[in-house]
Protein backbone atom coordinates (compact mmCIF):
# COMPACT_ATOMS: atom_id res chain seq x y z
CA MET A 1 41.65 123.44 139.30
CA LEU A 2 43.51 124.58 136.16
CA ILE A 3 40.27 125.51 134.41
CA ASN A 4 39.13 127.55 137.42
CA THR A 5 42.49 129.33 137.56
CA LEU A 6 42.27 130.20 133.86
CA LYS A 7 38.73 131.51 134.29
CA LEU A 8 39.88 133.75 137.14
CA GLY A 9 42.59 135.26 134.94
CA GLU A 10 40.44 135.61 131.82
CA PRO A 11 39.34 139.21 132.52
CA ARG A 12 43.01 140.30 132.57
CA PHE A 13 44.01 138.42 129.42
CA GLY A 14 43.80 141.53 127.26
CA ASP A 15 46.15 143.37 129.61
CA PHE A 16 48.53 140.43 129.52
CA MET A 17 48.58 140.34 125.71
CA SER A 18 49.27 144.07 125.62
CA TYR A 19 52.21 143.59 127.99
CA TRP A 20 53.38 140.58 125.96
CA ARG A 21 53.40 142.44 122.64
CA GLN A 22 55.17 145.44 124.14
CA HIS A 23 57.74 143.85 126.45
CA VAL A 24 58.13 140.09 125.82
CA GLU A 25 57.56 139.30 122.16
CA PRO A 26 60.17 141.76 120.78
CA ARG A 27 62.87 140.31 123.07
CA GLU A 28 61.80 136.77 122.23
CA GLN A 29 62.00 137.40 118.48
CA SER A 30 65.35 139.21 118.71
CA THR A 31 66.80 136.35 120.78
CA ILE A 32 65.60 133.81 118.20
CA ALA A 33 67.16 135.80 115.36
CA ALA A 34 70.46 136.25 117.20
CA TRP A 35 70.71 132.59 118.21
CA THR A 36 69.84 131.39 114.70
CA ALA A 37 72.68 133.44 113.28
CA GLU A 38 75.03 132.33 116.05
CA GLU A 39 74.36 128.64 115.49
CA ALA A 40 74.97 129.01 111.76
CA ARG A 41 78.43 130.41 112.57
CA SER A 42 79.45 128.35 115.56
CA HIS A 43 77.96 124.82 115.32
CA HIS A 44 77.52 124.33 119.06
CA VAL A 45 76.32 120.71 118.91
CA ARG A 46 79.40 119.70 116.95
CA HIS A 47 81.63 121.38 119.54
CA LEU A 48 79.75 119.63 122.34
CA GLU A 49 80.44 116.30 120.63
CA ASP A 50 84.14 117.15 120.57
CA LEU A 51 84.11 118.24 124.21
CA ALA A 52 82.20 115.18 125.43
CA ARG A 53 83.85 112.76 122.97
CA MET A 54 80.39 111.30 122.40
CA PRO A 55 78.08 111.36 119.37
CA PHE A 56 74.95 113.45 119.51
CA PRO A 57 72.07 110.95 119.29
CA TYR A 58 69.96 112.89 116.77
CA SER A 59 70.61 114.07 113.24
CA SER A 60 69.04 117.43 114.07
CA VAL A 61 67.64 119.28 117.07
CA LYS A 62 65.44 122.33 117.56
CA VAL A 63 65.95 125.03 120.19
CA ALA A 64 62.69 126.63 121.31
CA VAL A 65 63.07 130.07 122.92
CA ILE A 66 60.16 130.66 125.30
CA GLY A 67 59.53 134.12 126.65
CA LEU A 68 57.82 132.88 129.81
CA GLY A 69 58.39 129.27 130.71
CA PRO A 70 60.69 126.66 132.23
CA LEU A 71 63.77 124.99 130.86
CA GLY A 72 63.52 121.42 129.67
CA ASN A 73 63.79 119.16 126.68
CA ASN A 74 61.80 116.76 124.58
CA MET A 75 63.68 113.70 123.36
CA ASP A 76 60.92 112.46 121.07
CA ASN A 77 60.12 113.54 117.52
CA PRO A 78 61.48 116.06 116.92
CA PRO A 79 64.03 116.47 119.73
CA ILE A 80 63.72 119.97 121.21
CA MET A 81 65.73 121.98 123.72
CA PHE A 82 63.57 124.54 125.51
CA ALA A 83 65.24 127.75 126.63
CA THR A 84 64.12 130.99 128.24
CA MET A 85 65.41 134.49 127.58
CA LYS A 86 66.99 134.42 131.04
CA ASP A 87 69.47 131.81 129.83
CA ALA A 88 72.97 133.21 129.60
CA SER A 89 73.82 132.00 126.11
CA LEU A 90 73.03 129.51 123.38
CA PRO A 91 76.20 127.47 124.12
CA ALA A 92 75.09 127.19 127.76
CA VAL A 93 71.70 125.84 126.68
CA VAL A 94 73.25 123.38 124.23
CA GLY A 95 75.89 122.32 126.75
CA TYR A 96 73.28 121.58 129.42
CA GLU A 97 70.35 120.21 127.43
CA GLY A 98 72.55 118.58 124.78
CA MET A 99 74.51 116.66 127.41
CA HIS A 100 71.25 115.37 128.87
CA MET A 101 70.32 114.14 125.39
CA MET A 102 73.69 112.44 124.98
CA MET A 103 73.40 110.73 128.36
CA SER A 104 69.77 109.62 128.22
CA GLY A 105 68.50 110.18 124.69
CA ARG A 106 68.14 107.67 121.87
CA ASN A 107 70.39 104.62 122.50
CA GLY A 108 72.25 106.60 125.15
CA ASP A 109 71.36 105.21 128.57
CA TRP A 110 74.57 105.94 130.48
CA LYS A 111 73.36 103.82 133.42
CA LYS A 112 74.20 100.71 131.35
CA ARG A 113 77.84 101.71 130.98
CA ARG A 114 80.68 99.90 132.70
CA ASN A 115 80.96 100.79 136.41
CA ALA A 116 77.76 102.88 136.29
CA THR A 117 76.00 100.64 138.80
CA GLN A 118 78.88 101.00 141.25
CA ALA A 119 78.83 104.79 140.88
CA ILE A 120 75.06 104.93 141.39
CA ASN A 121 75.25 102.72 144.48
CA LEU A 122 77.98 104.87 146.01
CA ILE A 123 76.24 108.19 145.49
CA SER A 124 72.94 106.66 146.66
CA ALA A 125 74.60 105.63 149.91
CA ARG A 126 75.38 109.34 150.42
CA GLY A 127 71.79 110.39 149.80
CA GLY A 128 72.10 111.11 146.08
CA THR A 129 70.63 109.50 142.98
CA ALA A 130 71.64 108.35 139.51
CA TYR A 131 70.15 111.59 138.20
CA ASP A 132 72.59 113.58 140.33
CA ILE A 133 75.50 112.09 138.38
CA GLU A 134 73.94 113.03 135.05
CA GLU A 135 72.85 116.47 136.25
CA ALA A 136 76.29 117.31 137.66
CA LEU A 137 77.86 116.53 134.28
CA CYS A 138 75.26 118.61 132.44
CA LEU A 139 75.82 121.56 134.76
CA LEU A 140 79.53 121.22 134.08
CA MET A 141 78.99 121.25 130.29
CA GLN A 142 76.69 124.25 130.68
CA SER A 143 79.80 126.11 131.80
CA LYS A 144 82.51 124.40 129.76
CA LEU A 145 80.94 124.68 126.30
CA PRO A 146 80.62 128.49 126.47
CA ALA A 147 84.21 128.59 127.73
CA THR A 148 85.39 127.03 124.45
CA TYR A 149 84.10 130.21 122.76
CA GLY A 150 85.88 132.45 125.24
CA ASP A 151 82.89 133.02 127.53
CA SER A 152 83.87 132.19 131.10
CA SER A 153 80.92 134.01 132.67
CA VAL A 154 78.65 130.94 132.91
CA ALA A 155 79.36 129.28 136.24
CA ALA A 156 78.85 125.58 136.89
CA SER A 157 76.69 125.95 139.97
CA ASP A 158 74.21 123.99 142.04
CA ALA A 159 72.69 125.19 145.29
CA GLY A 160 72.94 123.43 148.60
CA ASP A 161 75.25 121.03 150.39
CA THR A 162 74.30 118.02 148.29
CA PRO A 163 76.03 115.00 146.72
CA ARG A 164 75.35 116.57 143.33
CA ARG A 165 77.24 119.72 144.25
CA VAL A 166 80.09 117.71 145.77
CA LEU A 167 80.40 115.72 142.54
CA LEU A 168 80.20 118.85 140.40
CA ARG A 169 83.07 120.44 142.34
CA ALA A 170 85.12 117.24 141.99
CA MET A 171 84.59 117.21 138.22
CA GLU A 172 85.59 120.87 137.99
CA ARG A 173 88.75 120.07 139.94
CA ASP A 174 89.66 117.20 137.60
CA TRP A 175 88.54 118.80 134.33
CA ASP A 176 92.06 119.41 133.05
CA ALA A 177 92.94 115.75 133.67
CA TYR A 178 89.87 114.72 131.66
CA ARG A 179 90.84 116.99 128.80
CA ALA A 180 94.36 115.55 128.79
CA ASN A 181 93.13 111.94 128.64
CA ALA A 182 91.70 111.40 125.16
CA SER A 183 90.79 107.78 125.93
CA ILE A 184 87.82 108.67 128.14
CA ASN A 185 84.52 110.32 127.26
CA ALA A 186 82.34 112.57 129.40
CA ALA A 187 79.95 109.83 130.56
CA ASP A 188 82.79 107.65 131.82
CA PHE A 189 84.44 110.71 133.36
CA ALA A 190 81.28 111.35 135.40
CA ILE A 191 81.08 107.71 136.45
CA ASP A 192 84.75 107.58 137.44
CA GLU A 193 84.47 110.85 139.36
CA ALA A 194 81.47 109.55 141.30
CA ILE A 195 83.39 106.42 142.27
CA ARG A 196 86.50 108.40 143.18
CA THR A 197 84.50 110.95 145.17
CA PHE A 198 82.14 108.71 147.10
CA GLY A 199 84.07 105.43 147.21
CA SER A 200 86.45 104.10 149.85
CA GLY A 201 84.69 106.07 152.59
CA GLY A 202 85.92 109.40 151.28
CA VAL A 203 83.90 112.39 150.17
CA ALA A 204 85.38 115.44 148.48
CA ALA A 205 85.26 118.55 150.66
CA LEU A 206 83.11 121.45 149.56
CA PRO A 207 84.89 124.76 148.95
């Protein structure tokens, strides 16, 4: 099916490349240059480590800016964060993708942490999954890391009336308490919030 689809589009490939060179490639290259300079000044991964109180699992990481393509990451060799030009900022990309790497990257399976099984069971009973706990935390860091640089425009958002969104709102509500308690890291904060939110028969109300 993929080969047939490519063959159908082949006659228009020249038009696409013309559009790419005129409209996409210049923006892609300017974004790469701007983000390279920004990272050299701001050290976003180091700030994420401070915010999460967790070590980044890799000695280095690449950020790939893709003009047309989805978000994602590759945790193998080398670790790569994929970003599109629609992403709001480099700190937002690092906050989101970097937190995923901290939670599930090399030697970082958060599901083995203390009380993680309880948290997973509770959110599962509400129709959620273990991934919802991790994703809610990553969405939170997507907003909170830019905020450390004075950018409050990146909202921690998730569509729909879902356990993930309920947990995200609970973590936003209790963020100041997390910041004030230096004895807990971001993974344990997410686990504790899931237990507090979905345990004892109570579920946090959506705004």
